[in-house]
Amino acid sequence: MRPATTAKLRANATTIHQLGHRHGLHSFALSTEQGELVATLDPDRSYFDITSFETDLSGILGALVEVVPRGPGVEVEETEPLNDMRGAA
C-alpha cells in the first residue's frame, strides 16, 4: 500500500478528526513525510490506540497512514495544521 498523499489527508480531514477522537488522538498536523500525521495523544491512551487508528484510517483511505505522537524526545517537522473541515464553505 502506498502512503496517503497530502491532498488525500486534507480531503479527509473530518474523517481523520472523528476517528481520532475515538482513539484518543487530536490536534492533527501534516508532517513533511508523505502519509504521516502528527497528533497529540490523550494521557490515558497508549501506542495501541495509535496503531489501531493507523490501521482503521489506512483501510478507509486505501493508503498507508502513520502517526507520530507529540511528546518529549519526539522530533518531527509539522508543515500545517489539519483542520476539521466540518462547516467549511
N, C-alpha and C. Protein backbone atom coordinates (compact mmCIF):
# COMPACT_ATOMS: atom_id res chain seq x y z
N MET A 1 0.85 -1.18 0.00
CA MET A 1 0.00 0.00 0.00
C MET A 1 0.90 1.24 0.00
N ARG A 2 0.55 2.20 -0.82
CA ARG A 2 1.32 3.45 -0.93
C ARG A 2 0.90 4.43 0.17
N PRO A 3 1.80 5.32 0.57
CA PRO A 3 1.44 6.33 1.58
C PRO A 3 0.35 7.27 1.06
N ALA A 4 -0.49 7.73 1.97
CA ALA A 4 -1.53 8.69 1.62
C ALA A 4 -0.89 10.00 1.19
N THR A 5 -1.46 10.62 0.18
CA THR A 5 -0.96 11.91 -0.27
C THR A 5 -1.48 13.01 0.66
N THR A 6 -0.80 14.13 0.63
CA THR A 6 -1.24 15.29 1.41
C THR A 6 -2.65 15.70 0.99
N ALA A 7 -2.93 15.66 -0.31
CA ALA A 7 -4.26 16.02 -0.80
C ALA A 7 -5.33 15.09 -0.24
N LYS A 8 -5.03 13.79 -0.17
CA LYS A 8 -5.99 12.82 0.36
C LYS A 8 -6.23 13.07 1.85
N LEU A 9 -5.16 13.36 2.58
CA LEU A 9 -5.31 13.64 4.01
C LEU A 9 -6.14 14.90 4.24
N ARG A 10 -5.86 15.96 3.47
CA ARG A 10 -6.65 17.19 3.59
C ARG A 10 -8.12 16.94 3.26
N ALA A 11 -8.37 16.19 2.19
CA ALA A 11 -9.75 15.94 1.75
C ALA A 11 -10.53 15.11 2.76
N ASN A 12 -9.84 14.37 3.61
CA ASN A 12 -10.49 13.51 4.60
C ASN A 12 -10.28 13.99 6.02
N ALA A 13 -10.06 15.29 6.17
CA ALA A 13 -9.78 15.87 7.49
C ALA A 13 -10.89 15.58 8.50
N THR A 14 -12.13 15.69 8.10
CA THR A 14 -13.24 15.45 9.03
C THR A 14 -13.22 14.00 9.51
N THR A 15 -13.03 13.07 8.60
CA THR A 15 -12.95 11.65 8.97
C THR A 15 -11.79 11.41 9.92
N ILE A 16 -10.65 12.02 9.64
CA ILE A 16 -9.47 11.86 10.49
C ILE A 16 -9.76 12.35 11.90
N HIS A 17 -10.38 13.51 12.02
CA HIS A 17 -10.70 14.05 13.35
C HIS A 17 -11.73 13.19 14.08
N GLN A 18 -12.74 12.73 13.38
CA GLN A 18 -13.77 11.89 14.02
C GLN A 18 -13.17 10.57 14.49
N LEU A 19 -12.41 9.91 13.65
CA LEU A 19 -11.78 8.65 14.00
C LEU A 19 -10.73 8.86 15.10
N GLY A 20 -10.00 9.94 15.00
CA GLY A 20 -9.00 10.26 16.01
C GLY A 20 -9.62 10.42 17.39
N HIS A 21 -10.76 11.08 17.43
CA HIS A 21 -11.45 11.28 18.71
C HIS A 21 -11.76 9.94 19.38
N ARG A 22 -12.18 8.97 18.60
CA ARG A 22 -12.49 7.63 19.15
C ARG A 22 -11.25 6.90 19.65
N HIS A 23 -10.08 7.27 19.12
CA HIS A 23 -8.83 6.61 19.51
C HIS A 23 -7.97 7.45 20.44
N GLY A 24 -8.50 8.58 20.90
CA GLY A 24 -7.76 9.42 21.83
C GLY A 24 -6.69 10.29 21.19
N LEU A 25 -6.87 10.62 19.92
CA LEU A 25 -5.92 11.46 19.19
C LEU A 25 -6.59 12.76 18.78
N HIS A 26 -5.86 13.86 18.85
CA HIS A 26 -6.42 15.15 18.45
C HIS A 26 -5.29 16.10 18.05
N SER A 27 -5.66 17.30 17.63
CA SER A 27 -4.71 18.34 17.20
C SER A 27 -3.78 17.82 16.10
N PHE A 28 -4.38 17.34 15.03
CA PHE A 28 -3.62 16.77 13.92
C PHE A 28 -2.91 17.84 13.11
N ALA A 29 -1.74 17.48 12.60
CA ALA A 29 -0.99 18.33 11.67
C ALA A 29 -0.35 17.43 10.63
N LEU A 30 -0.10 18.01 9.46
CA LEU A 30 0.61 17.28 8.42
C LEU A 30 2.10 17.33 8.72
N SER A 31 2.79 16.28 8.36
CA SER A 31 4.24 16.18 8.54
C SER A 31 4.92 16.41 7.20
N THR A 32 6.22 16.57 7.24
CA THR A 32 6.96 16.71 5.98
C THR A 32 7.06 15.38 5.24
N GLU A 33 6.83 14.27 5.93
CA GLU A 33 6.87 12.95 5.30
C GLU A 33 5.50 12.60 4.74
N GLN A 34 5.45 12.10 3.52
CA GLN A 34 4.19 11.73 2.89
C GLN A 34 3.50 10.62 3.69
N GLY A 35 2.20 10.80 3.91
CA GLY A 35 1.40 9.79 4.61
C GLY A 35 1.56 9.84 6.13
N GLU A 36 2.22 10.87 6.63
CA GLU A 36 2.48 10.95 8.07
C GLU A 36 1.73 12.12 8.69
N LEU A 37 1.08 11.83 9.80
CA LEU A 37 0.39 12.84 10.58
C LEU A 37 1.06 12.98 11.94
N VAL A 38 1.01 14.17 12.48
CA VAL A 38 1.46 14.42 13.84
C VAL A 38 0.21 14.67 14.65
N ALA A 39 0.13 14.11 15.86
CA ALA A 39 -1.06 14.28 16.68
C ALA A 39 -0.71 14.25 18.16
N THR A 40 -1.62 14.76 18.95
CA THR A 40 -1.49 14.69 20.40
C THR A 40 -2.31 13.51 20.88
N LEU A 41 -1.70 12.68 21.71
CA LEU A 41 -2.36 11.50 22.26
C LEU A 41 -2.83 11.81 23.67
N ASP A 42 -4.09 11.50 23.96
CA ASP A 42 -4.61 11.70 25.31
C ASP A 42 -3.76 10.93 26.32
N PRO A 43 -3.58 11.48 27.53
CA PRO A 43 -2.70 10.85 28.51
C PRO A 43 -3.12 9.44 28.95
N ASP A 44 -4.41 9.15 28.86
CA ASP A 44 -4.89 7.83 29.29
C ASP A 44 -4.88 6.80 28.15
N ARG A 45 -4.26 7.14 27.04
CA ARG A 45 -4.20 6.24 25.88
C ARG A 45 -2.78 5.72 25.69
N SER A 46 -2.62 4.77 24.76
CA SER A 46 -1.31 4.15 24.55
C SER A 46 -1.00 4.03 23.06
N TYR A 47 0.17 3.48 22.78
CA TYR A 47 0.55 3.26 21.39
C TYR A 47 -0.37 2.25 20.70
N PHE A 48 -1.06 1.43 21.46
CA PHE A 48 -2.04 0.52 20.85
C PHE A 48 -3.16 1.32 20.18
N ASP A 49 -3.54 2.44 20.79
CA ASP A 49 -4.56 3.30 20.20
C ASP A 49 -4.07 3.92 18.90
N ILE A 50 -2.80 4.32 18.87
CA ILE A 50 -2.22 4.88 17.66
C ILE A 50 -2.22 3.84 16.55
N THR A 51 -1.77 2.64 16.86
CA THR A 51 -1.72 1.56 15.87
C THR A 51 -3.10 1.22 15.34
N SER A 52 -4.07 1.18 16.23
CA SER A 52 -5.45 0.89 15.82
C SER A 52 -5.98 1.99 14.90
N PHE A 53 -5.69 3.24 15.24
CA PHE A 53 -6.10 4.38 14.41
C PHE A 53 -5.47 4.27 13.02
N GLU A 54 -4.16 4.01 12.98
CA GLU A 54 -3.45 3.90 11.70
C GLU A 54 -4.06 2.80 10.83
N THR A 55 -4.36 1.67 11.42
CA THR A 55 -4.94 0.55 10.68
C THR A 55 -6.32 0.91 10.15
N ASP A 56 -7.15 1.48 11.03
CA ASP A 56 -8.51 1.86 10.62
C ASP A 56 -8.50 2.91 9.51
N LEU A 57 -7.70 3.96 9.70
CA LEU A 57 -7.67 5.04 8.71
C LEU A 57 -7.05 4.58 7.39
N SER A 58 -6.01 3.78 7.45
CA SER A 58 -5.41 3.27 6.21
C SER A 58 -6.42 2.45 5.42
N GLY A 59 -7.24 1.67 6.12
CA GLY A 59 -8.29 0.89 5.46
C GLY A 59 -9.35 1.77 4.82
N ILE A 60 -9.73 2.83 5.50
CA ILE A 60 -10.75 3.76 4.97
C ILE A 60 -10.22 4.48 3.74
N LEU A 61 -8.97 4.96 3.82
CA LEU A 61 -8.41 5.76 2.72
C LEU A 61 -7.81 4.92 1.60
N GLY A 62 -7.54 3.64 1.88
CA GLY A 62 -6.89 2.80 0.88
C GLY A 62 -5.46 3.22 0.63
N ALA A 63 -4.86 3.84 1.65
CA ALA A 63 -3.48 4.31 1.56
C ALA A 63 -2.87 4.28 2.96
N LEU A 64 -1.57 4.07 3.02
CA LEU A 64 -0.88 3.96 4.29
C LEU A 64 -0.81 5.30 5.02
N VAL A 65 -1.16 5.28 6.31
CA VAL A 65 -1.08 6.46 7.16
C VAL A 65 -0.30 6.09 8.41
N GLU A 66 0.64 6.93 8.78
CA GLU A 66 1.40 6.76 10.02
C GLU A 66 1.19 7.98 10.89
N VAL A 67 1.21 7.77 12.21
CA VAL A 67 1.02 8.86 13.16
C VAL A 67 2.25 8.94 14.06
N VAL A 68 2.74 10.15 14.22
CA VAL A 68 3.82 10.43 15.16
C VAL A 68 3.20 11.24 16.30
N PRO A 69 3.23 10.71 17.52
CA PRO A 69 2.65 11.45 18.63
C PRO A 69 3.60 12.54 19.12
N ARG A 70 3.05 13.70 19.43
CA ARG A 70 3.86 14.77 20.02
C ARG A 70 4.28 14.35 21.43
N GLY A 71 5.44 14.76 21.83
CA GLY A 71 5.88 14.46 23.18
C GLY A 71 7.37 14.68 23.35
N PRO A 72 7.83 14.54 24.58
CA PRO A 72 9.25 14.72 24.86
C PRO A 72 10.09 13.74 24.07
N GLY A 73 11.15 14.24 23.50
CA GLY A 73 12.07 13.39 22.75
C GLY A 73 11.63 13.07 21.34
N VAL A 74 10.48 13.58 20.93
CA VAL A 74 9.97 13.32 19.58
C VAL A 74 10.25 14.55 18.73
N GLU A 75 11.05 14.36 17.69
CA GLU A 75 11.36 15.46 16.79
C GLU A 75 10.77 15.15 15.42
N VAL A 76 9.77 15.90 15.06
CA VAL A 76 9.14 15.74 13.75
C VAL A 76 8.71 17.13 13.29
N GLU A 77 8.89 17.39 12.02
CA GLU A 77 8.55 18.71 11.48
C GLU A 77 7.10 18.71 10.99
N GLU A 78 6.33 19.64 11.54
CA GLU A 78 4.94 19.83 11.12
C GLU A 78 4.88 20.92 10.06
N THR A 79 4.11 20.67 9.00
CA THR A 79 4.02 21.67 7.94
C THR A 79 2.80 22.57 8.08
N GLU A 80 1.68 22.01 8.53
CA GLU A 80 0.46 22.80 8.71
C GLU A 80 -0.55 22.01 9.53
N PRO A 81 -1.41 22.71 10.26
CA PRO A 81 -2.46 22.01 10.99
C PRO A 81 -3.45 21.37 10.01
N LEU A 82 -3.99 20.24 10.39
CA LEU A 82 -5.01 19.58 9.58
C LEU A 82 -6.35 19.93 10.22
N ASN A 83 -6.98 20.96 9.69
CA ASN A 83 -8.21 21.45 10.27
C ASN A 83 -9.39 20.56 9.91
N ASP A 84 -10.30 20.43 10.86
CA ASP A 84 -11.55 19.70 10.65
C ASP A 84 -12.40 20.56 9.73
N MET A 85 -12.80 20.01 8.59
CA MET A 85 -13.50 20.80 7.57
C MET A 85 -15.01 20.88 7.75
N ARG A 86 -15.55 20.34 8.85
CA ARG A 86 -16.99 20.42 9.06
C ARG A 86 -17.41 21.88 9.11
N GLY A 87 -18.42 22.21 8.36
CA GLY A 87 -18.94 23.56 8.36
C GLY A 87 -18.18 24.49 7.44
N ALA A 88 -17.13 24.02 6.78
CA ALA A 88 -16.38 24.88 5.87
C ALA A 88 -17.20 25.12 4.61
N ALA A 89 -17.05 26.30 4.06
CA ALA A 89 -17.81 26.64 2.85
C ALA A 89 -17.22 25.99 1.63
